[in-house]
Amino acid sequence: MQRFLIVPLLLVWSLAASAAGTQYAMRVDGLACPYCAYGIEKKLKQIEGVEKIDVDLEQGLVTVNVREGVELTEPQMVPLFKDAGFTYRSMTKQPR
């Protein structure tokens, strides 16, 4: 009987743990095609702790989810986007 209680509890705990972290939304100029999105994703995936990346080409918005304890900064993002050929504009941060 205890096994039947432990497994669901572990599942719930793991789902809650995976949801913890921070979401960053960055405004970027110059995003025009899926290849642009691929270039940005490739650069961002090099940062330890990045879990998910979404690129909205129409809105020029890059959304990045990072695990708990990982922080992205403007001094870190400006050269990253510049090296990828884009212009970084701004970033907002919110807990997930």
PDB file of N, CA and C in Angstrom:
ATOM      1  N   MET A   1       0.822  -1.200   0.000  1.00  0.00           N
ATOM      2  CA  MET A   1       0.000   0.000   0.000  1.00  0.00           C
ATOM      3  C   MET A   1       0.867   1.266   0.000  1.00  0.00           C
ATOM      4  N   GLN A   2       1.970   1.225   0.743  1.00  0.00           N
ATOM      5  CA  GLN A   2       2.825   2.409   0.806  1.00  0.00           C
ATOM      6  C   GLN A   2       3.410   2.754  -0.563  1.00  0.00           C
ATOM      7  N   ARG A   3       3.733   1.734  -1.350  1.00  0.00           N
ATOM      8  CA  ARG A   3       4.278   1.988  -2.681  1.00  0.00           C
ATOM      9  C   ARG A   3       3.289   2.772  -3.537  1.00  0.00           C
ATOM     10  N   PHE A   4       2.024   2.453  -3.388  1.00  0.00           N
ATOM     11  CA  PHE A   4       1.006   3.136  -4.181  1.00  0.00           C
ATOM     12  C   PHE A   4       0.863   4.597  -3.777  1.00  0.00           C
ATOM     13  N   LEU A   5       1.235   4.937  -2.564  1.00  0.00           N
ATOM     14  CA  LEU A   5       1.186   6.326  -2.122  1.00  0.00           C
ATOM     15  C   LEU A   5       2.469   7.069  -2.461  1.00  0.00           C
ATOM     16  N   ILE A   6       3.585   6.393  -2.404  1.00  0.00           N
ATOM     17  CA  ILE A   6       4.873   7.039  -2.635  1.00  0.00           C
ATOM     18  C   ILE A   6       5.042   7.442  -4.094  1.00  0.00           C
ATOM     19  N   VAL A   7       4.670   6.585  -5.015  1.00  0.00           N
ATOM     20  CA  VAL A   7       4.859   6.881  -6.439  1.00  0.00           C
ATOM     21  C   VAL A   7       4.111   8.152  -6.852  1.00  0.00           C
ATOM     22  N   PRO A   8       2.822   8.306  -6.540  1.00  0.00           N
ATOM     23  CA  PRO A   8       2.147   9.555  -6.917  1.00  0.00           C
ATOM     24  C   PRO A   8       2.754  10.782  -6.232  1.00  0.00           C
ATOM     25  N   LEU A   9       3.184  10.636  -4.997  1.00  0.00           N
ATOM     26  CA  LEU A   9       3.797  11.768  -4.304  1.00  0.00           C
ATOM     27  C   LEU A   9       5.100  12.181  -4.975  1.00  0.00           C
ATOM     28  N   LEU A  10       5.897  11.217  -5.379  1.00  0.00           N
ATOM     29  CA  LEU A  10       7.141  11.533  -6.085  1.00  0.00           C
ATOM     30  C   LEU A  10       6.857  12.200  -7.425  1.00  0.00           C
ATOM     31  N   LEU A  11       5.832  11.744  -8.103  1.00  0.00           N
ATOM     32  CA  LEU A  11       5.462  12.338  -9.379  1.00  0.00           C
ATOM     33  C   LEU A  11       5.051  13.799  -9.196  1.00  0.00           C
ATOM     34  N   VAL A  12       4.227  14.075  -8.222  1.00  0.00           N
ATOM     35  CA  VAL A  12       3.784  15.446  -7.951  1.00  0.00           C
ATOM     36  C   VAL A  12       4.977  16.314  -7.567  1.00  0.00           C
ATOM     37  N   TRP A  13       5.859  15.794  -6.732  1.00  0.00           N
ATOM     38  CA  TRP A  13       7.035  16.548  -6.307  1.00  0.00           C
ATOM     39  C   TRP A  13       7.932  16.868  -7.493  1.00  0.00           C
ATOM     40  N   SER A  14       8.148  15.903  -8.384  1.00  0.00           N
ATOM     41  CA  SER A  14       9.027  16.140  -9.532  1.00  0.00           C
ATOM     42  C   SER A  14       8.420  17.160 -10.489  1.00  0.00           C
ATOM     43  N   LEU A  15       7.110  17.153 -10.663  1.00  0.00           N
ATOM     44  CA  LEU A  15       6.461  18.143 -11.519  1.00  0.00           C
ATOM     45  C   LEU A  15       6.585  19.535 -10.927  1.00  0.00           C
ATOM     46  N   ALA A  16       6.430  19.661  -9.626  1.00  0.00           N
ATOM     47  CA  ALA A  16       6.569  20.954  -8.966  1.00  0.00           C
ATOM     48  C   ALA A  16       8.002  21.452  -9.066  1.00  0.00           C
ATOM     49  N   ALA A  17       8.960  20.564  -8.905  1.00  0.00           N
ATOM     50  CA  ALA A  17      10.366  20.955  -8.977  1.00  0.00           C
ATOM     51  C   ALA A  17      10.735  21.410 -10.379  1.00  0.00           C
ATOM     52  N   SER A  18      10.189  20.766 -11.398  1.00  0.00           N
ATOM     53  CA  SER A  18      10.532  21.149 -12.766  1.00  0.00           C
ATOM     54  C   SER A  18       9.906  22.488 -13.151  1.00  0.00           C
ATOM     55  N   ALA A  19       8.849  22.890 -12.480  1.00  0.00           N
ATOM     56  CA  ALA A  19       8.193  24.153 -12.786  1.00  0.00           C
ATOM     57  C   ALA A  19       8.897  25.337 -12.137  1.00  0.00           C
ATOM     58  N   ALA A  20       9.729  25.087 -11.129  1.00  0.00           N
ATOM     59  CA  ALA A  20      10.429  26.172 -10.455  1.00  0.00           C
ATOM     60  C   ALA A  20      11.458  26.763 -11.404  1.00  0.00           C
ATOM     61  N   GLY A  21      11.715  28.021 -11.240  1.00  0.00           N
ATOM     62  CA  GLY A  21      12.708  28.683 -12.075  1.00  0.00           C
ATOM     63  C   GLY A  21      12.212  30.051 -12.478  1.00  0.00           C
ATOM     64  N   THR A  22      12.808  30.584 -13.525  1.00  0.00           N
ATOM     65  CA  THR A  22      12.500  31.936 -13.971  1.00  0.00           C
ATOM     66  C   THR A  22      12.268  31.936 -15.474  1.00  0.00           C
ATOM     67  N   GLN A  23      11.379  32.819 -15.900  1.00  0.00           N
ATOM     68  CA  GLN A  23      11.132  33.004 -17.327  1.00  0.00           C
ATOM     69  C   GLN A  23      11.565  34.419 -17.707  1.00  0.00           C
ATOM     70  N   TYR A  24      12.368  34.514 -18.752  1.00  0.00           N
ATOM     71  CA  TYR A  24      12.826  35.791 -19.278  1.00  0.00           C
ATOM     72  C   TYR A  24      12.195  36.009 -20.646  1.00  0.00           C
ATOM     73  N   ALA A  25      11.710  37.214 -20.875  1.00  0.00           N
ATOM     74  CA  ALA A  25      11.175  37.592 -22.186  1.00  0.00           C
ATOM     75  C   ALA A  25      12.041  38.732 -22.710  1.00  0.00           C
ATOM     76  N   MET A  26      12.664  38.517 -23.872  1.00  0.00           N
ATOM     77  CA  MET A  26      13.592  39.499 -24.421  1.00  0.00           C
ATOM     78  C   MET A  26      13.103  40.014 -25.763  1.00  0.00           C
ATOM     79  N   ARG A  27      13.113  41.329 -25.915  1.00  0.00           N
ATOM     80  CA  ARG A  27      12.774  41.975 -27.186  1.00  0.00           C
ATOM     81  C   ARG A  27      14.047  42.066 -28.017  1.00  0.00           C
ATOM     82  N   VAL A  28      13.933  41.625 -29.267  1.00  0.00           N
ATOM     83  CA  VAL A  28      15.096  41.560 -30.146  1.00  0.00           C
ATOM     84  C   VAL A  28      14.706  42.066 -31.535  1.00  0.00           C
ATOM     85  N   ASP A  29      15.557  42.894 -32.133  1.00  0.00           N
ATOM     86  CA  ASP A  29      15.339  43.359 -33.507  1.00  0.00           C
ATOM     87  C   ASP A  29      16.114  42.479 -34.473  1.00  0.00           C
ATOM     88  N   GLY A  30      15.533  42.252 -35.652  1.00  0.00           N
ATOM     89  CA  GLY A  30      16.231  41.540 -36.712  1.00  0.00           C
ATOM     90  C   GLY A  30      15.812  40.098 -36.907  1.00  0.00           C
ATOM     91  N   LEU A  31      14.876  39.619 -36.108  1.00  0.00           N
ATOM     92  CA  LEU A  31      14.404  38.237 -36.272  1.00  0.00           C
ATOM     93  C   LEU A  31      13.451  38.192 -37.461  1.00  0.00           C
ATOM     94  N   ALA A  32      13.798  37.405 -38.487  1.00  0.00           N
ATOM     95  CA  ALA A  32      12.979  37.410 -39.693  1.00  0.00           C
ATOM     96  C   ALA A  32      12.604  36.026 -40.213  1.00  0.00           C
ATOM     97  N   CYS A  33      13.346  34.997 -39.833  1.00  0.00           N
ATOM     98  CA  CYS A  33      13.102  33.688 -40.439  1.00  0.00           C
ATOM     99  C   CYS A  33      13.411  32.567 -39.443  1.00  0.00           C
ATOM    100  N   PRO A  34      12.984  31.345 -39.737  1.00  0.00           N
ATOM    101  CA  PRO A  34      13.276  30.222 -38.842  1.00  0.00           C
ATOM    102  C   PRO A  34      14.776  30.003 -38.627  1.00  0.00           C
ATOM    103  N   TYR A  35      15.577  30.332 -39.628  1.00  0.00           N
ATOM    104  CA  TYR A  35      17.026  30.200 -39.460  1.00  0.00           C
ATOM    105  C   TYR A  35      17.527  31.167 -38.384  1.00  0.00           C
ATOM    106  N   CYS A  36      16.915  32.358 -38.310  1.00  0.00           N
ATOM    107  CA  CYS A  36      17.253  33.324 -37.252  1.00  0.00           C
ATOM    108  C   CYS A  36      16.957  32.717 -35.884  1.00  0.00           C
ATOM    109  N   ALA A  37      15.790  32.105 -35.770  1.00  0.00           N
ATOM    110  CA  ALA A  37      15.397  31.478 -34.505  1.00  0.00           C
ATOM    111  C   ALA A  37      16.384  30.386 -34.128  1.00  0.00           C
ATOM    112  N   TYR A  38      16.802  29.599 -35.101  1.00  0.00           N
ATOM    113  CA  TYR A  38      17.760  28.529 -34.837  1.00  0.00           C
ATOM    114  C   TYR A  38      19.076  29.095 -34.308  1.00  0.00           C
ATOM    115  N   GLY A  39      19.556  30.179 -34.901  1.00  0.00           N
ATOM    116  CA  GLY A  39      20.810  30.789 -34.460  1.00  0.00           C
ATOM    117  C   GLY A  39      20.738  31.274 -33.024  1.00  0.00           C
ATOM    118  N   ILE A  40      19.620  31.894 -32.664  1.00  0.00           N
ATOM    119  CA  ILE A  40      19.432  32.375 -31.290  1.00  0.00           C
ATOM    120  C   ILE A  40      19.352  31.194 -30.331  1.00  0.00           C
ATOM    121  N   GLU A  41      18.569  30.192 -30.687  1.00  0.00           N
ATOM    122  CA  GLU A  41      18.429  29.017 -29.819  1.00  0.00           C
ATOM    123  C   GLU A  41      19.779  28.345 -29.580  1.00  0.00           C
ATOM    124  N   LYS A  42      20.567  28.249 -30.616  1.00  0.00           N
ATOM    125  CA  LYS A  42      21.885  27.614 -30.501  1.00  0.00           C
ATOM    126  C   LYS A  42      22.768  28.370 -29.503  1.00  0.00           C
ATOM    127  N   LYS A  43      22.766  29.686 -29.569  1.00  0.00           N
ATOM    128  CA  LYS A  43      23.560  30.507 -28.641  1.00  0.00           C
ATOM    129  C   LYS A  43      23.051  30.365 -27.207  1.00  0.00           C
ATOM    130  N   LEU A  44      21.726  30.431 -27.032  1.00  0.00           N
ATOM    131  CA  LEU A  44      21.157  30.378 -25.684  1.00  0.00           C
ATOM    132  C   LEU A  44      21.322  29.003 -25.042  1.00  0.00           C
ATOM    133  N   LYS A  45      21.285  27.949 -25.831  1.00  0.00           N
ATOM    134  CA  LYS A  45      21.439  26.596 -25.284  1.00  0.00           C
ATOM    135  C   LYS A  45      22.833  26.361 -24.714  1.00  0.00           C
ATOM    136  N   GLN A  46      23.785  27.207 -25.068  1.00  0.00           N
ATOM    137  CA  GLN A  46      25.136  27.089 -24.526  1.00  0.00           C
ATOM    138  C   GLN A  46      25.213  27.547 -23.072  1.00  0.00           C
ATOM    139  N   ILE A  47      24.183  28.232 -22.602  1.00  0.00           N
ATOM    140  CA  ILE A  47      24.154  28.719 -21.225  1.00  0.00           C
ATOM    141  C   ILE A  47      23.620  27.614 -20.329  1.00  0.00           C
ATOM    142  N   GLU A  48      24.394  27.253 -19.332  1.00  0.00           N
ATOM    143  CA  GLU A  48      23.987  26.201 -18.401  1.00  0.00           C
ATOM    144  C   GLU A  48      22.731  26.626 -17.645  1.00  0.00           C
ATOM    145  N   GLY A  49      21.759  25.737 -17.584  1.00  0.00           N
ATOM    146  CA  GLY A  49      20.526  26.000 -16.854  1.00  0.00           C
ATOM    147  C   GLY A  49      19.361  26.428 -17.720  1.00  0.00           C
ATOM    148  N   VAL A  50      19.607  26.692 -19.003  1.00  0.00           N
ATOM    149  CA  VAL A  50      18.516  27.035 -19.917  1.00  0.00           C
ATOM    150  C   VAL A  50      17.729  25.763 -20.200  1.00  0.00           C
ATOM    151  N   GLU A  51      16.421  25.828 -19.947  1.00  0.00           N
ATOM    152  CA  GLU A  51      15.566  24.649 -20.100  1.00  0.00           C
ATOM    153  C   GLU A  51      14.701  24.687 -21.355  1.00  0.00           C
ATOM    154  N   LYS A  52      14.213  25.874 -21.711  1.00  0.00           N
ATOM    155  CA  LYS A  52      13.286  25.979 -22.842  1.00  0.00           C
ATOM    156  C   LYS A  52      13.454  27.344 -23.497  1.00  0.00           C
ATOM    157  N   ILE A  53      13.377  27.348 -24.817  1.00  0.00           N
ATOM    158  CA  ILE A  53      13.505  28.589 -25.582  1.00  0.00           C
ATOM    159  C   ILE A  53      12.372  28.645 -26.599  1.00  0.00           C
ATOM    160  N   ASP A  54      11.672  29.771 -26.636  1.00  0.00           N
ATOM    161  CA  ASP A  54      10.639  30.005 -27.650  1.00  0.00           C
ATOM    162  C   ASP A  54      10.974  31.311 -28.362  1.00  0.00           C
ATOM    163  N   VAL A  55      10.909  31.297 -29.680  1.00  0.00           N
ATOM    164  CA  VAL A  55      11.180  32.497 -30.466  1.00  0.00           C
ATOM    165  C   VAL A  55       9.929  32.846 -31.259  1.00  0.00           C
ATOM    166  N   ASP A  56       9.412  34.054 -31.039  1.00  0.00           N
ATOM    167  CA  ASP A  56       8.262  34.565 -31.786  1.00  0.00           C
ATOM    168  C   ASP A  56       8.800  35.569 -32.806  1.00  0.00           C
ATOM    169  N   LEU A  57       8.896  35.136 -34.054  1.00  0.00           N
ATOM    170  CA  LEU A  57       9.481  35.973 -35.100  1.00  0.00           C
ATOM    171  C   LEU A  57       8.663  37.231 -35.357  1.00  0.00           C
ATOM    172  N   GLU A  58       7.344  37.109 -35.356  1.00  0.00           N
ATOM    173  CA  GLU A  58       6.476  38.250 -35.654  1.00  0.00           C
ATOM    174  C   GLU A  58       6.603  39.357 -34.620  1.00  0.00           C
ATOM    175  N   GLN A  59       6.717  38.982 -33.358  1.00  0.00           N
ATOM    176  CA  GLN A  59       6.789  39.976 -32.286  1.00  0.00           C
ATOM    177  C   GLN A  59       8.216  40.333 -31.894  1.00  0.00           C
ATOM    178  N   GLY A  60       9.197  39.621 -32.437  1.00  0.00           N
ATOM    179  CA  GLY A  60      10.586  39.875 -32.060  1.00  0.00           C
ATOM    180  C   GLY A  60      10.818  39.579 -30.592  1.00  0.00           C
ATOM    181  N   LEU A  61      10.232  38.477 -30.133  1.00  0.00           N
ATOM    182  CA  LEU A  61      10.277  38.124 -28.719  1.00  0.00           C
ATOM    183  C   LEU A  61      10.933  36.760 -28.539  1.00  0.00           C
ATOM    184  N   VAL A  62      11.913  36.712 -27.660  1.00  0.00           N
ATOM    185  CA  VAL A  62      12.581  35.460 -27.317  1.00  0.00           C
ATOM    186  C   VAL A  62      12.280  35.185 -25.851  1.00  0.00           C
ATOM    187  N   THR A  63      11.640  34.048 -25.577  1.00  0.00           N
ATOM    188  CA  THR A  63      11.289  33.662 -24.211  1.00  0.00           C
ATOM    189  C   THR A  63      12.174  32.497 -23.804  1.00  0.00           C
ATOM    190  N   VAL A  64      12.809  32.648 -22.636  1.00  0.00           N
ATOM    191  CA  VAL A  64      13.746  31.637 -22.154  1.00  0.00           C
ATOM    192  C   VAL A  64      13.365  31.238 -20.735  1.00  0.00           C
ATOM    193  N   ASN A  65      13.181  29.943 -20.517  1.00  0.00           N
ATOM    194  CA  ASN A  65      12.953  29.410 -19.176  1.00  0.00           C
ATOM    195  C   ASN A  65      14.265  28.838 -18.667  1.00  0.00           C
ATOM    196  N   VAL A  66      14.629  29.236 -17.444  1.00  0.00           N
ATOM    197  CA  VAL A  66      15.847  28.715 -16.823  1.00  0.00           C
ATOM    198  C   VAL A  66      15.488  28.051 -15.506  1.00  0.00           C
ATOM    199  N   ARG A  67      16.330  27.119 -15.101  1.00  0.00           N
ATOM    200  CA  ARG A  67      16.060  26.431 -13.842  1.00  0.00           C
ATOM    201  C   ARG A  67      16.330  27.376 -12.670  1.00  0.00           C
ATOM    202  N   GLU A  68      15.827  26.974 -11.533  1.00  0.00           N
ATOM    203  CA  GLU A  68      15.966  27.762 -10.316  1.00  0.00           C
ATOM    204  C   GLU A  68      17.440  28.008 -10.017  1.00  0.00           C
ATOM    205  N   GLY A  69      17.757  29.239  -9.647  1.00  0.00           N
ATOM    206  CA  GLY A  69      19.125  29.593  -9.298  1.00  0.00           C
ATOM    207  C   GLY A  69      19.940  30.139 -10.458  1.00  0.00           C
ATOM    208  N   VAL A  70      19.408  30.066 -11.677  1.00  0.00           N
ATOM    209  CA  VAL A  70      20.117  30.571 -12.854  1.00  0.00           C
ATOM    210  C   VAL A  70      19.565  31.951 -13.179  1.00  0.00           C
ATOM    211  N   GLU A  71      20.457  32.890 -13.455  1.00  0.00           N
ATOM    212  CA  GLU A  71      20.023  34.243 -13.772  1.00  0.00           C
ATOM    213  C   GLU A  71      20.668  34.702 -15.077  1.00  0.00           C
ATOM    214  N   LEU A  72      19.859  35.295 -15.931  1.00  0.00           N
ATOM    215  CA  LEU A  72      20.359  35.903 -17.159  1.00  0.00           C
ATOM    216  C   LEU A  72      20.441  37.405 -16.924  1.00  0.00           C
ATOM    217  N   THR A  73      21.499  38.031 -17.427  1.00  0.00           N
ATOM    218  CA  THR A  73      21.693  39.465 -17.222  1.00  0.00           C
ATOM    219  C   THR A  73      21.809  40.185 -18.564  1.00  0.00           C
ATOM    220  N   GLU A  74      21.527  41.487 -18.536  1.00  0.00           N
ATOM    221  CA  GLU A  74      21.666  42.280 -19.759  1.00  0.00           C
ATOM    222  C   GLU A  74      23.110  42.282 -20.264  1.00  0.00           C
ATOM    223  N   PRO A  75      24.121  42.456 -19.380  1.00  0.00           N
ATOM    224  CA  PRO A  75      25.498  42.407 -19.879  1.00  0.00           C
ATOM    225  C   PRO A  75      25.856  41.064 -20.530  1.00  0.00           C
ATOM    226  N   GLN A  76      25.169  40.029 -20.163  1.00  0.00           N
ATOM    227  CA  GLN A  76      25.376  38.704 -20.752  1.00  0.00           C
ATOM    228  C   GLN A  76      24.638  38.593 -22.098  1.00  0.00           C
ATOM    229  N   MET A  77      23.438  39.168 -22.184  1.00  0.00           N
ATOM    230  CA  MET A  77      22.591  39.013 -23.364  1.00  0.00           C
ATOM    231  C   MET A  77      22.987  39.918 -24.525  1.00  0.00           C
ATOM    232  N   VAL A  78      23.404  41.149 -24.239  1.00  0.00           N
ATOM    233  CA  VAL A  78      23.728  42.098 -25.316  1.00  0.00           C
ATOM    234  C   VAL A  78      24.772  41.524 -26.276  1.00  0.00           C
ATOM    235  N   PRO A  79      25.933  41.060 -25.793  1.00  0.00           N
ATOM    236  CA  PRO A  79      26.910  40.504 -26.741  1.00  0.00           C
ATOM    237  C   PRO A  79      26.455  39.188 -27.377  1.00  0.00           C
ATOM    238  N   LEU A  80      25.675  38.401 -26.654  1.00  0.00           N
ATOM    239  CA  LEU A  80      25.187  37.138 -27.202  1.00  0.00           C
ATOM    240  C   LEU A  80      24.344  37.396 -28.448  1.00  0.00           C
ATOM    241  N   PHE A  81      23.407  38.338 -28.346  1.00  0.00           N
ATOM    242  CA  PHE A  81      22.551  38.652 -29.490  1.00  0.00           C
ATOM    243  C   PHE A  81      23.336  39.366 -30.589  1.00  0.00           C
ATOM    244  N   LYS A  82      24.263  40.236 -30.199  1.00  0.00           N
ATOM    245  CA  LYS A  82      25.083  40.937 -31.193  1.00  0.00           C
ATOM    246  C   LYS A  82      25.924  39.941 -31.991  1.00  0.00           C
ATOM    247  N   ASP A  83      26.530  38.980 -31.304  1.00  0.00           N
ATOM    248  CA  ASP A  83      27.329  37.954 -31.987  1.00  0.00           C
ATOM    249  C   ASP A  83      26.482  37.111 -32.938  1.00  0.00           C
ATOM    250  N   ALA A  84      25.202  36.966 -32.615  1.00  0.00           N
ATOM    251  CA  ALA A  84      24.295  36.196 -33.472  1.00  0.00           C
ATOM    252  C   ALA A  84      23.727  37.050 -34.609  1.00  0.00           C
ATOM    253  N   GLY A  85      24.035  38.370 -34.598  1.00  0.00           N
ATOM    254  CA  GLY A  85      23.591  39.247 -35.672  1.00  0.00           C
ATOM    255  C   GLY A  85      22.289  39.977 -35.408  1.00  0.00           C
ATOM    256  N   PHE A  86      21.901  40.098 -34.141  1.00  0.00           N
ATOM    257  CA  PHE A  86      20.637  40.740 -33.790  1.00  0.00           C
ATOM    258  C   PHE A  86      20.868  41.856 -32.782  1.00  0.00           C
ATOM    259  N   THR A  87      19.862  42.716 -32.627  1.00  0.00           N
ATOM    260  CA  THR A  87      19.951  43.822 -31.688  1.00  0.00           C
ATOM    261  C   THR A  87      19.063  43.543 -30.487  1.00  0.00           C
ATOM    262  N   TYR A  88      19.677  43.410 -29.329  1.00  0.00           N
ATOM    263  CA  TYR A  88      18.960  43.205 -28.071  1.00  0.00           C
ATOM    264  C   TYR A  88      18.348  44.534 -27.656  1.00  0.00           C
ATOM    265  N   ARG A  89      17.071  44.532 -27.260  1.00  0.00           N
ATOM    266  CA  ARG A  89      16.387  45.759 -26.849  1.00  0.00           C
ATOM    267  C   ARG A  89      16.072  45.809 -25.356  1.00  0.00           C
ATOM    268  N   SER A  90      15.456  44.765 -24.831  1.00  0.00           N
ATOM    269  CA  SER A  90      15.057  44.794 -23.417  1.00  0.00           C
ATOM    270  C   SER A  90      14.762  43.386 -22.934  1.00  0.00           C
ATOM    271  N   MET A  91      14.641  43.274 -21.598  1.00  0.00           N
ATOM    272  CA  MET A  91      14.353  41.969 -21.004  1.00  0.00           C
ATOM    273  C   MET A  91      13.466  42.162 -19.782  1.00  0.00           C
ATOM    274  N   THR A  92      12.464  41.292 -19.649  1.00  0.00           N
ATOM    275  CA  THR A  92      11.656  41.243 -18.435  1.00  0.00           C
ATOM    276  C   THR A  92      11.831  39.866 -17.815  1.00  0.00           C
ATOM    277  N   LYS A  93      11.627  39.812 -16.518  1.00  0.00           N
ATOM    278  CA  LYS A  93      11.874  38.584 -15.755  1.00  0.00           C
ATOM    279  C   LYS A  93      10.678  38.316 -14.858  1.00  0.00           C
ATOM    280  N   GLN A  94      10.265  37.048 -14.808  1.00  0.00           N
ATOM    281  CA  GLN A  94       9.189  36.673 -13.884  1.00  0.00           C
ATOM    282  C   GLN A  94       9.366  35.227 -13.444  1.00  0.00           C
ATOM    283  N   PRO A  95       8.999  34.921 -12.203  1.00  0.00           N
ATOM    284  CA  PRO A  95       9.089  33.528 -11.738  1.00  0.00           C
ATOM    285  C   PRO A  95       8.079  32.663 -12.473  1.00  0.00           C
ATOM    286  N   ARG A  96       8.426  31.375 -12.607  1.00  0.00           N
ATOM    287  CA  ARG A  96       7.491  30.426 -13.230  1.00  0.00           C
ATOM    288  C   ARG A  96       6.724  29.716 -12.153  1.00  0.00           C
TER     289      ARG A  96
END
